[in-house]
């Protein structure tokens, strides 16, 4: 039986970074975009690839590989931008996350989700809501709003405004 923080059936958008499969609650995902031109922003932090134009709005794009300390790779035909609506300190923020590939929307029951392991993981467990189990494979369910600190969100919002 699971003791995960997740207590209700929910749907998750799954995406790949390197060899790992991650997921975020589908309610946080606004849309998935094909990779388009990303405008670099001078003096932006290294994890910020730049901004993209989404229907006239400058949306900051964070390289999730870099954010999680994974080695950089070239973008491919499967690279996608996940546009997310996040609520950070009571403020709604729109951020794009660059993923190697987006897979599917997956529905998981609470009994299909384990607590993240307390040792032996290379990921910060405070950023993980649980480990979804499906077909003998684990999916790391992220608390995507905790992935970004308040200072980072302020910086991202400022960068998007400057670029606009």
N, C-alpha and C. Protein backbone atom coordinates (compact mmCIF):
# COMPACT_ATOMS: atom_id res chain seq x y z
N UNK A 1 0.84 -1.19 0.00
CA UNK A 1 0.00 0.00 0.00
C UNK A 1 0.88 1.24 0.00
N UNK A 2 0.48 2.25 -0.73
CA UNK A 2 1.25 3.46 -0.88
C UNK A 2 1.00 4.42 0.28
N UNK A 3 2.05 5.13 0.65
CA UNK A 3 1.92 6.19 1.65
C UNK A 3 2.25 7.53 1.01
N UNK A 4 2.07 7.62 -0.29
CA UNK A 4 2.40 8.81 -1.05
C UNK A 4 1.57 10.02 -0.60
N UNK A 5 2.09 11.21 -0.92
CA UNK A 5 1.37 12.46 -0.65
C UNK A 5 0.14 12.57 -1.54
N UNK A 6 0.06 11.76 -2.57
CA UNK A 6 -1.05 11.80 -3.52
C UNK A 6 -2.15 10.87 -3.03
N UNK A 7 -3.34 11.43 -2.82
CA UNK A 7 -4.43 10.65 -2.24
C UNK A 7 -5.65 10.51 -3.16
N UNK A 8 -5.58 11.07 -4.36
CA UNK A 8 -6.71 10.98 -5.28
C UNK A 8 -6.21 10.58 -6.67
N UNK A 9 -7.09 9.95 -7.43
CA UNK A 9 -6.77 9.61 -8.81
C UNK A 9 -6.54 10.91 -9.58
N UNK A 10 -5.49 10.93 -10.37
CA UNK A 10 -5.18 12.14 -11.13
C UNK A 10 -4.56 11.76 -12.47
N UNK A 11 -4.57 12.74 -13.37
CA UNK A 11 -3.97 12.55 -14.69
C UNK A 11 -2.67 13.34 -14.75
N UNK A 12 -1.67 12.73 -15.39
CA UNK A 12 -0.33 13.30 -15.45
C UNK A 12 0.17 13.34 -16.88
N UNK A 13 0.84 14.43 -17.24
CA UNK A 13 1.51 14.55 -18.52
C UNK A 13 2.92 14.01 -18.32
N UNK A 14 3.28 13.00 -19.11
CA UNK A 14 4.61 12.39 -18.95
C UNK A 14 5.55 12.92 -20.01
N UNK A 15 6.81 13.08 -19.60
CA UNK A 15 7.83 13.57 -20.51
C UNK A 15 9.17 12.96 -20.12
N UNK A 16 10.09 12.95 -21.08
CA UNK A 16 11.39 12.33 -20.88
C UNK A 16 12.49 13.37 -20.84
N UNK A 17 13.39 13.16 -19.88
CA UNK A 17 14.65 13.89 -19.80
C UNK A 17 15.73 12.83 -19.71
N UNK A 18 16.55 12.71 -20.73
CA UNK A 18 17.53 11.63 -20.74
C UNK A 18 16.82 10.29 -20.73
N UNK A 19 17.24 9.41 -19.82
CA UNK A 19 16.64 8.08 -19.72
C UNK A 19 15.48 8.03 -18.73
N UNK A 20 15.20 9.15 -18.06
CA UNK A 20 14.18 9.16 -17.01
C UNK A 20 12.85 9.66 -17.53
N UNK A 21 11.78 9.07 -16.99
CA UNK A 21 10.44 9.49 -17.32
C UNK A 21 9.89 10.29 -16.15
N UNK A 22 9.43 11.51 -16.43
CA UNK A 22 8.88 12.40 -15.42
C UNK A 22 7.41 12.67 -15.74
N UNK A 23 6.70 13.21 -14.75
CA UNK A 23 5.31 13.57 -14.96
C UNK A 23 4.96 14.79 -14.12
N UNK A 24 4.02 15.58 -14.64
CA UNK A 24 3.44 16.67 -13.86
C UNK A 24 1.93 16.52 -13.96
N UNK A 25 1.24 17.04 -12.97
CA UNK A 25 -0.22 17.00 -13.00
C UNK A 25 -0.68 17.73 -14.26
N UNK A 26 -1.57 17.11 -15.00
CA UNK A 26 -2.01 17.66 -16.28
C UNK A 26 -2.68 19.03 -16.10
N UNK A 27 -3.20 19.31 -14.92
CA UNK A 27 -3.83 20.61 -14.66
C UNK A 27 -2.80 21.75 -14.70
N UNK A 28 -1.53 21.44 -14.51
CA UNK A 28 -0.46 22.45 -14.56
C UNK A 28 0.00 22.73 -15.98
N UNK A 29 -0.29 21.83 -16.91
CA UNK A 29 0.16 21.97 -18.29
C UNK A 29 -0.88 22.71 -19.11
N UNK A 30 -0.49 23.83 -19.65
CA UNK A 30 -1.40 24.62 -20.49
C UNK A 30 -1.44 24.05 -21.90
N UNK A 31 -0.23 23.75 -22.44
CA UNK A 31 -0.13 23.20 -23.79
C UNK A 31 1.27 22.66 -24.01
N UNK A 32 1.41 21.87 -25.06
CA UNK A 32 2.71 21.34 -25.48
C UNK A 32 2.99 21.88 -26.87
N UNK A 33 4.17 22.50 -27.01
CA UNK A 33 4.53 23.12 -28.28
C UNK A 33 5.69 22.38 -28.93
N UNK A 34 5.67 22.33 -30.26
CA UNK A 34 6.85 21.89 -30.98
C UNK A 34 7.94 22.91 -30.71
N UNK A 35 9.17 22.48 -30.80
CA UNK A 35 10.28 23.39 -30.59
C UNK A 35 10.27 24.46 -31.68
N UNK A 36 10.30 25.71 -31.26
CA UNK A 36 10.35 26.83 -32.19
C UNK A 36 11.54 27.70 -31.82
N UNK A 37 11.68 28.80 -32.50
CA UNK A 37 12.81 29.70 -32.23
C UNK A 37 12.74 30.23 -30.80
N UNK A 38 13.82 30.03 -30.06
CA UNK A 38 13.92 30.55 -28.70
C UNK A 38 14.88 31.73 -28.75
N UNK A 39 14.39 32.89 -28.35
CA UNK A 39 15.21 34.10 -28.34
C UNK A 39 16.01 34.15 -27.06
N UNK A 40 17.33 34.16 -27.20
CA UNK A 40 18.21 34.25 -26.03
C UNK A 40 18.07 35.62 -25.39
N UNK A 41 18.23 35.64 -24.06
CA UNK A 41 18.15 36.88 -23.31
C UNK A 41 19.51 37.13 -22.66
N UNK A 42 20.14 38.28 -22.97
CA UNK A 42 21.45 38.56 -22.37
C UNK A 42 21.38 38.57 -20.84
N UNK A 43 22.40 38.10 -20.20
CA UNK A 43 22.57 38.04 -18.74
C UNK A 43 21.56 37.14 -18.03
N UNK A 44 20.84 36.31 -18.78
CA UNK A 44 19.90 35.38 -18.15
C UNK A 44 20.68 34.24 -17.50
N UNK A 45 20.13 33.62 -16.46
CA UNK A 45 20.82 32.48 -15.85
C UNK A 45 20.98 31.34 -16.85
N UNK A 46 21.95 30.47 -16.60
CA UNK A 46 22.31 29.43 -17.58
C UNK A 46 21.17 28.44 -17.84
N UNK A 47 20.28 28.22 -16.88
CA UNK A 47 19.18 27.28 -17.11
C UNK A 47 18.06 27.87 -17.97
N UNK A 48 18.08 29.18 -18.19
CA UNK A 48 17.05 29.84 -19.00
C UNK A 48 17.51 29.89 -20.44
N UNK A 49 16.85 29.11 -21.31
CA UNK A 49 17.24 29.08 -22.72
C UNK A 49 16.87 30.38 -23.42
N UNK A 50 15.82 31.06 -22.94
CA UNK A 50 15.37 32.30 -23.54
C UNK A 50 13.87 32.40 -23.45
N UNK A 51 13.27 33.09 -24.41
CA UNK A 51 11.82 33.25 -24.44
C UNK A 51 11.28 32.84 -25.80
N UNK A 52 10.02 32.38 -25.80
CA UNK A 52 9.33 32.07 -27.05
C UNK A 52 8.08 32.92 -27.14
N UNK A 53 7.66 33.15 -28.36
CA UNK A 53 6.44 33.90 -28.61
C UNK A 53 5.27 32.93 -28.65
N UNK A 54 4.36 33.06 -27.70
CA UNK A 54 3.16 32.22 -27.68
C UNK A 54 1.96 33.17 -27.79
N UNK A 55 1.42 33.25 -29.00
CA UNK A 55 0.29 34.12 -29.30
C UNK A 55 0.51 35.55 -28.79
N UNK A 56 1.69 36.09 -29.10
CA UNK A 56 1.99 37.47 -28.77
C UNK A 56 2.57 37.69 -27.38
N UNK A 57 2.70 36.64 -26.59
CA UNK A 57 3.27 36.77 -25.25
C UNK A 57 4.65 36.14 -25.19
N UNK A 58 5.58 36.82 -24.52
CA UNK A 58 6.93 36.27 -24.32
C UNK A 58 6.90 35.34 -23.11
N UNK A 59 7.14 34.05 -23.36
CA UNK A 59 7.12 33.04 -22.31
C UNK A 59 8.56 32.57 -22.07
N UNK A 60 9.05 32.67 -20.82
CA UNK A 60 10.40 32.17 -20.54
C UNK A 60 10.45 30.66 -20.66
N UNK A 61 11.54 30.15 -21.22
CA UNK A 61 11.72 28.71 -21.42
C UNK A 61 12.93 28.24 -20.60
N UNK A 62 12.66 27.34 -19.69
CA UNK A 62 13.70 26.77 -18.83
C UNK A 62 14.12 25.42 -19.40
N UNK A 63 15.41 25.20 -19.50
CA UNK A 63 15.95 23.92 -19.94
C UNK A 63 15.89 22.97 -18.74
N UNK A 64 14.94 22.07 -18.72
CA UNK A 64 14.75 21.18 -17.57
C UNK A 64 15.94 20.23 -17.40
N UNK A 65 16.62 19.87 -18.48
CA UNK A 65 17.82 19.04 -18.36
C UNK A 65 18.86 19.76 -17.49
N UNK A 66 19.08 21.02 -17.81
CA UNK A 66 20.05 21.82 -17.07
C UNK A 66 19.58 22.00 -15.62
N UNK A 67 18.31 22.25 -15.44
CA UNK A 67 17.75 22.48 -14.10
C UNK A 67 17.98 21.28 -13.20
N UNK A 68 17.93 20.07 -13.77
CA UNK A 68 18.12 18.85 -12.98
C UNK A 68 19.55 18.31 -13.04
N UNK A 69 20.47 19.09 -13.59
CA UNK A 69 21.87 18.69 -13.59
C UNK A 69 22.21 17.59 -14.57
N UNK A 70 21.41 17.42 -15.60
CA UNK A 70 21.70 16.41 -16.62
C UNK A 70 22.60 17.01 -17.70
N UNK A 71 23.38 16.18 -18.37
CA UNK A 71 24.26 16.72 -19.42
C UNK A 71 23.44 17.29 -20.57
N UNK A 72 23.98 18.32 -21.18
CA UNK A 72 23.33 18.95 -22.32
C UNK A 72 23.38 18.03 -23.53
N UNK A 73 22.33 18.06 -24.33
CA UNK A 73 22.31 17.35 -25.60
C UNK A 73 21.72 18.28 -26.64
N UNK A 74 21.93 17.96 -27.89
CA UNK A 74 21.35 18.76 -28.96
C UNK A 74 19.84 18.54 -29.00
N UNK A 75 19.12 19.59 -29.38
CA UNK A 75 17.68 19.45 -29.57
C UNK A 75 17.42 18.50 -30.73
N UNK A 76 16.30 17.78 -30.65
CA UNK A 76 15.95 16.82 -31.69
C UNK A 76 14.54 17.10 -32.21
N UNK A 77 14.08 16.28 -33.12
CA UNK A 77 12.72 16.43 -33.64
C UNK A 77 11.65 16.18 -32.57
N UNK A 78 12.04 15.46 -31.50
CA UNK A 78 11.06 15.16 -30.44
C UNK A 78 11.10 16.16 -29.28
N UNK A 79 12.06 17.10 -29.30
CA UNK A 79 12.14 18.10 -28.23
C UNK A 79 10.87 18.94 -28.23
N UNK A 80 10.31 19.15 -27.04
CA UNK A 80 9.06 19.89 -26.90
C UNK A 80 9.18 20.93 -25.80
N UNK A 81 8.32 21.93 -25.87
CA UNK A 81 8.19 22.93 -24.82
C UNK A 81 6.85 22.70 -24.14
N UNK A 82 6.89 22.42 -22.84
CA UNK A 82 5.66 22.26 -22.06
C UNK A 82 5.37 23.61 -21.42
N UNK A 83 4.28 24.24 -21.83
CA UNK A 83 3.88 25.52 -21.25
C UNK A 83 3.04 25.22 -20.03
N UNK A 84 3.50 25.75 -18.88
CA UNK A 84 2.87 25.42 -17.60
C UNK A 84 2.33 26.67 -16.92
N UNK A 85 1.18 26.52 -16.28
CA UNK A 85 0.61 27.53 -15.40
C UNK A 85 0.97 27.14 -13.98
N UNK A 86 1.81 27.94 -13.34
CA UNK A 86 2.24 27.62 -11.99
C UNK A 86 1.72 28.67 -11.02
N UNK A 87 1.48 28.25 -9.80
CA UNK A 87 1.07 29.17 -8.74
C UNK A 87 2.20 29.19 -7.72
N UNK A 88 2.95 30.29 -7.72
CA UNK A 88 4.10 30.43 -6.83
C UNK A 88 3.82 31.59 -5.88
N UNK A 89 3.78 31.30 -4.59
CA UNK A 89 3.50 32.32 -3.57
C UNK A 89 2.24 33.11 -3.91
N UNK A 90 1.21 32.41 -4.37
CA UNK A 90 -0.07 33.04 -4.66
C UNK A 90 -0.13 33.79 -5.98
N UNK A 91 0.96 33.78 -6.75
CA UNK A 91 1.00 34.48 -8.02
C UNK A 91 1.03 33.48 -9.17
N UNK A 92 0.18 33.71 -10.17
CA UNK A 92 0.13 32.85 -11.34
C UNK A 92 1.26 33.23 -12.29
N UNK A 93 2.04 32.23 -12.71
CA UNK A 93 3.19 32.44 -13.58
C UNK A 93 3.13 31.42 -14.71
N UNK A 94 3.41 31.86 -15.93
CA UNK A 94 3.46 30.96 -17.08
C UNK A 94 4.93 30.76 -17.44
N UNK A 95 5.34 29.49 -17.51
CA UNK A 95 6.73 29.12 -17.78
C UNK A 95 6.73 27.97 -18.78
N UNK A 96 7.68 27.98 -19.69
CA UNK A 96 7.87 26.86 -20.59
C UNK A 96 9.01 25.99 -20.09
N UNK A 97 8.84 24.70 -20.16
CA UNK A 97 9.88 23.76 -19.77
C UNK A 97 10.29 22.94 -20.97
N UNK A 98 11.58 22.91 -21.27
CA UNK A 98 12.09 22.17 -22.42
C UNK A 98 12.32 20.72 -22.03
N UNK A 99 11.67 19.80 -22.74
CA UNK A 99 11.79 18.37 -22.46
C UNK A 99 12.29 17.65 -23.72
N UNK A 100 13.00 16.53 -23.52
CA UNK A 100 13.51 15.76 -24.65
C UNK A 100 12.37 15.20 -25.50
N UNK A 101 11.28 14.83 -24.84
CA UNK A 101 10.10 14.31 -25.54
C UNK A 101 8.92 14.34 -24.59
N UNK A 102 7.73 14.47 -25.13
CA UNK A 102 6.50 14.36 -24.35
C UNK A 102 5.83 13.08 -24.80
N UNK A 103 5.37 12.28 -23.83
CA UNK A 103 4.86 10.96 -24.17
C UNK A 103 3.35 10.87 -24.20
N UNK A 104 2.71 10.98 -23.05
CA UNK A 104 1.27 10.72 -22.99
C UNK A 104 0.69 11.34 -21.74
N UNK A 105 -0.64 11.33 -21.68
CA UNK A 105 -1.34 11.65 -20.45
C UNK A 105 -1.70 10.32 -19.81
N UNK A 106 -1.30 10.18 -18.56
CA UNK A 106 -1.42 8.93 -17.83
C UNK A 106 -2.30 9.14 -16.61
N UNK A 107 -3.27 8.27 -16.40
CA UNK A 107 -4.10 8.36 -15.19
C UNK A 107 -3.59 7.35 -14.17
N UNK A 108 -3.31 7.83 -12.97
CA UNK A 108 -2.80 6.96 -11.91
C UNK A 108 -3.69 7.02 -10.69
N UNK A 109 -3.94 5.85 -10.12
CA UNK A 109 -4.67 5.73 -8.86
C UNK A 109 -3.66 5.90 -7.72
N UNK A 110 -4.10 6.35 -6.56
CA UNK A 110 -3.17 6.52 -5.43
C UNK A 110 -2.38 5.24 -5.10
N UNK A 111 -3.01 4.06 -5.27
CA UNK A 111 -2.30 2.81 -4.96
C UNK A 111 -1.24 2.45 -6.01
N UNK A 112 -1.16 3.23 -7.10
CA UNK A 112 -0.13 3.02 -8.12
C UNK A 112 1.05 3.98 -7.94
N UNK A 113 1.04 4.69 -6.81
CA UNK A 113 2.07 5.70 -6.56
C UNK A 113 2.76 5.41 -5.24
N UNK A 114 4.08 5.30 -5.27
CA UNK A 114 4.89 5.08 -4.07
C UNK A 114 5.53 6.39 -3.63
N UNK A 115 5.95 6.42 -2.38
CA UNK A 115 6.78 7.52 -1.88
C UNK A 115 8.11 7.48 -2.62
N UNK A 116 8.73 8.63 -2.83
CA UNK A 116 10.07 8.59 -3.42
C UNK A 116 11.05 7.96 -2.44
N UNK A 117 12.05 7.25 -2.94
CA UNK A 117 13.00 6.63 -2.02
C UNK A 117 13.76 7.71 -1.25
N UNK A 118 14.04 7.43 0.02
CA UNK A 118 14.72 8.43 0.84
C UNK A 118 16.23 8.42 0.60
N UNK A 119 16.76 7.33 0.09
CA UNK A 119 18.18 7.28 -0.25
C UNK A 119 18.35 6.61 -1.61
N UNK A 120 19.50 6.79 -2.19
CA UNK A 120 19.81 6.11 -3.44
C UNK A 120 19.20 6.74 -4.67
N UNK A 121 18.72 7.98 -4.57
CA UNK A 121 18.19 8.65 -5.74
C UNK A 121 19.04 9.87 -6.04
N UNK A 122 19.20 10.17 -7.32
CA UNK A 122 19.98 11.35 -7.67
C UNK A 122 19.13 12.61 -7.74
N UNK A 123 17.83 12.46 -7.52
CA UNK A 123 16.91 13.60 -7.57
C UNK A 123 16.59 14.06 -6.16
N UNK A 124 16.38 15.34 -6.00
CA UNK A 124 15.98 15.89 -4.70
C UNK A 124 14.56 15.41 -4.38
N UNK A 125 14.41 14.67 -3.30
CA UNK A 125 13.11 14.08 -2.99
C UNK A 125 12.08 15.12 -2.57
N UNK A 126 12.50 16.31 -2.16
CA UNK A 126 11.52 17.34 -1.81
C UNK A 126 10.82 17.90 -3.04
N UNK A 127 11.33 17.60 -4.22
CA UNK A 127 10.71 18.04 -5.47
C UNK A 127 9.82 16.97 -6.09
N UNK A 128 9.76 15.80 -5.44
CA UNK A 128 9.04 14.66 -5.98
C UNK A 128 7.80 14.37 -5.13
N UNK A 129 6.65 14.31 -5.78
CA UNK A 129 5.41 13.96 -5.09
C UNK A 129 5.28 12.46 -4.89
N UNK A 130 5.81 11.70 -5.84
CA UNK A 130 5.70 10.26 -5.75
C UNK A 130 6.32 9.59 -6.96
N UNK A 131 6.32 8.26 -6.90
CA UNK A 131 6.86 7.45 -7.99
C UNK A 131 5.71 6.60 -8.54
N UNK A 132 5.22 6.98 -9.72
CA UNK A 132 4.12 6.23 -10.33
C UNK A 132 4.62 4.92 -10.91
N UNK A 133 3.85 3.84 -10.70
CA UNK A 133 4.19 2.52 -11.24
C UNK A 133 3.22 2.16 -12.34
N UNK A 134 3.77 1.81 -13.50
CA UNK A 134 2.93 1.36 -14.61
C UNK A 134 3.77 0.45 -15.47
N UNK A 135 3.31 -0.79 -15.67
CA UNK A 135 4.00 -1.76 -16.51
C UNK A 135 5.46 -1.95 -16.10
N UNK A 136 5.70 -2.18 -14.83
CA UNK A 136 7.05 -2.42 -14.29
C UNK A 136 8.02 -1.27 -14.55
N UNK A 137 7.52 -0.08 -14.75
CA UNK A 137 8.36 1.10 -14.96
C UNK A 137 7.89 2.20 -14.01
N UNK A 138 8.86 2.95 -13.49
CA UNK A 138 8.52 4.04 -12.59
C UNK A 138 8.56 5.37 -13.34
N UNK A 139 7.63 6.25 -12.98
CA UNK A 139 7.58 7.61 -13.49
C UNK A 139 7.72 8.54 -12.29
N UNK A 140 8.65 9.49 -12.38
CA UNK A 140 8.89 10.42 -11.29
C UNK A 140 7.86 11.55 -11.40
N UNK A 141 6.97 11.63 -10.41
CA UNK A 141 5.93 12.66 -10.42
C UNK A 141 6.47 13.89 -9.68
N UNK A 142 6.66 14.96 -10.43
CA UNK A 142 7.27 16.17 -9.88
C UNK A 142 6.25 17.09 -9.23
N UNK A 143 6.68 17.75 -8.17
CA UNK A 143 5.95 18.90 -7.64
C UNK A 143 6.53 20.09 -8.38
N UNK A 144 6.01 20.34 -9.57
CA UNK A 144 6.65 21.28 -10.50
C UNK A 144 6.74 22.69 -9.93
N UNK A 145 5.82 23.08 -9.09
CA UNK A 145 5.89 24.42 -8.51
C UNK A 145 7.05 24.55 -7.53
N UNK A 146 7.46 23.44 -6.92
CA UNK A 146 8.61 23.49 -6.00
C UNK A 146 9.94 23.43 -6.75
N UNK A 147 9.90 23.03 -8.01
CA UNK A 147 11.12 22.97 -8.80
C UNK A 147 11.71 24.38 -8.97
N UNK A 148 10.83 25.37 -9.00
CA UNK A 148 11.27 26.75 -9.17
C UNK A 148 11.15 27.50 -7.85
N UNK A 149 12.24 28.13 -7.44
CA UNK A 149 12.20 28.94 -6.22
C UNK A 149 11.51 30.26 -6.51
N UNK A 150 11.09 30.95 -5.48
CA UNK A 150 10.45 32.25 -5.64
C UNK A 150 11.38 33.23 -6.35
N UNK A 151 12.66 33.23 -6.00
CA UNK A 151 13.62 34.13 -6.65
C UNK A 151 13.73 33.83 -8.14
N UNK A 152 13.73 32.54 -8.50
CA UNK A 152 13.83 32.18 -9.90
C UNK A 152 12.61 32.64 -10.67
N UNK A 153 11.43 32.48 -10.09
CA UNK A 153 10.19 32.89 -10.76
C UNK A 153 10.18 34.39 -10.97
N UNK A 154 10.63 35.15 -9.98
CA UNK A 154 10.71 36.60 -10.12
C UNK A 154 11.66 36.96 -11.25
N UNK A 155 12.79 36.28 -11.32
CA UNK A 155 13.77 36.51 -12.38
C UNK A 155 13.19 36.14 -13.74
N UNK A 156 12.50 35.01 -13.83
CA UNK A 156 11.90 34.58 -15.09
C UNK A 156 10.85 35.58 -15.57
N UNK A 157 10.02 36.03 -14.65
CA UNK A 157 8.97 36.99 -15.01
C UNK A 157 9.61 38.29 -15.51
N UNK A 158 10.66 38.75 -14.84
CA UNK A 158 11.36 39.95 -15.25
C UNK A 158 12.01 39.79 -16.61
N UNK A 159 12.56 38.61 -16.86
CA UNK A 159 13.20 38.33 -18.15
C UNK A 159 12.17 38.36 -19.28
N UNK A 160 11.01 37.78 -19.04
CA UNK A 160 9.95 37.77 -20.06
C UNK A 160 9.47 39.19 -20.34
N UNK A 161 9.34 40.01 -19.29
CA UNK A 161 8.91 41.40 -19.49
C UNK A 161 9.95 42.18 -20.27
N UNK A 162 11.23 41.97 -19.96
CA UNK A 162 12.31 42.67 -20.67
C UNK A 162 12.31 42.28 -22.14
N UNK A 163 12.13 40.99 -22.42
CA UNK A 163 12.15 40.51 -23.79
C UNK A 163 10.95 41.02 -24.59
N UNK A 164 9.81 41.19 -23.90
CA UNK A 164 8.60 41.66 -24.59
C UNK A 164 8.79 43.09 -25.01
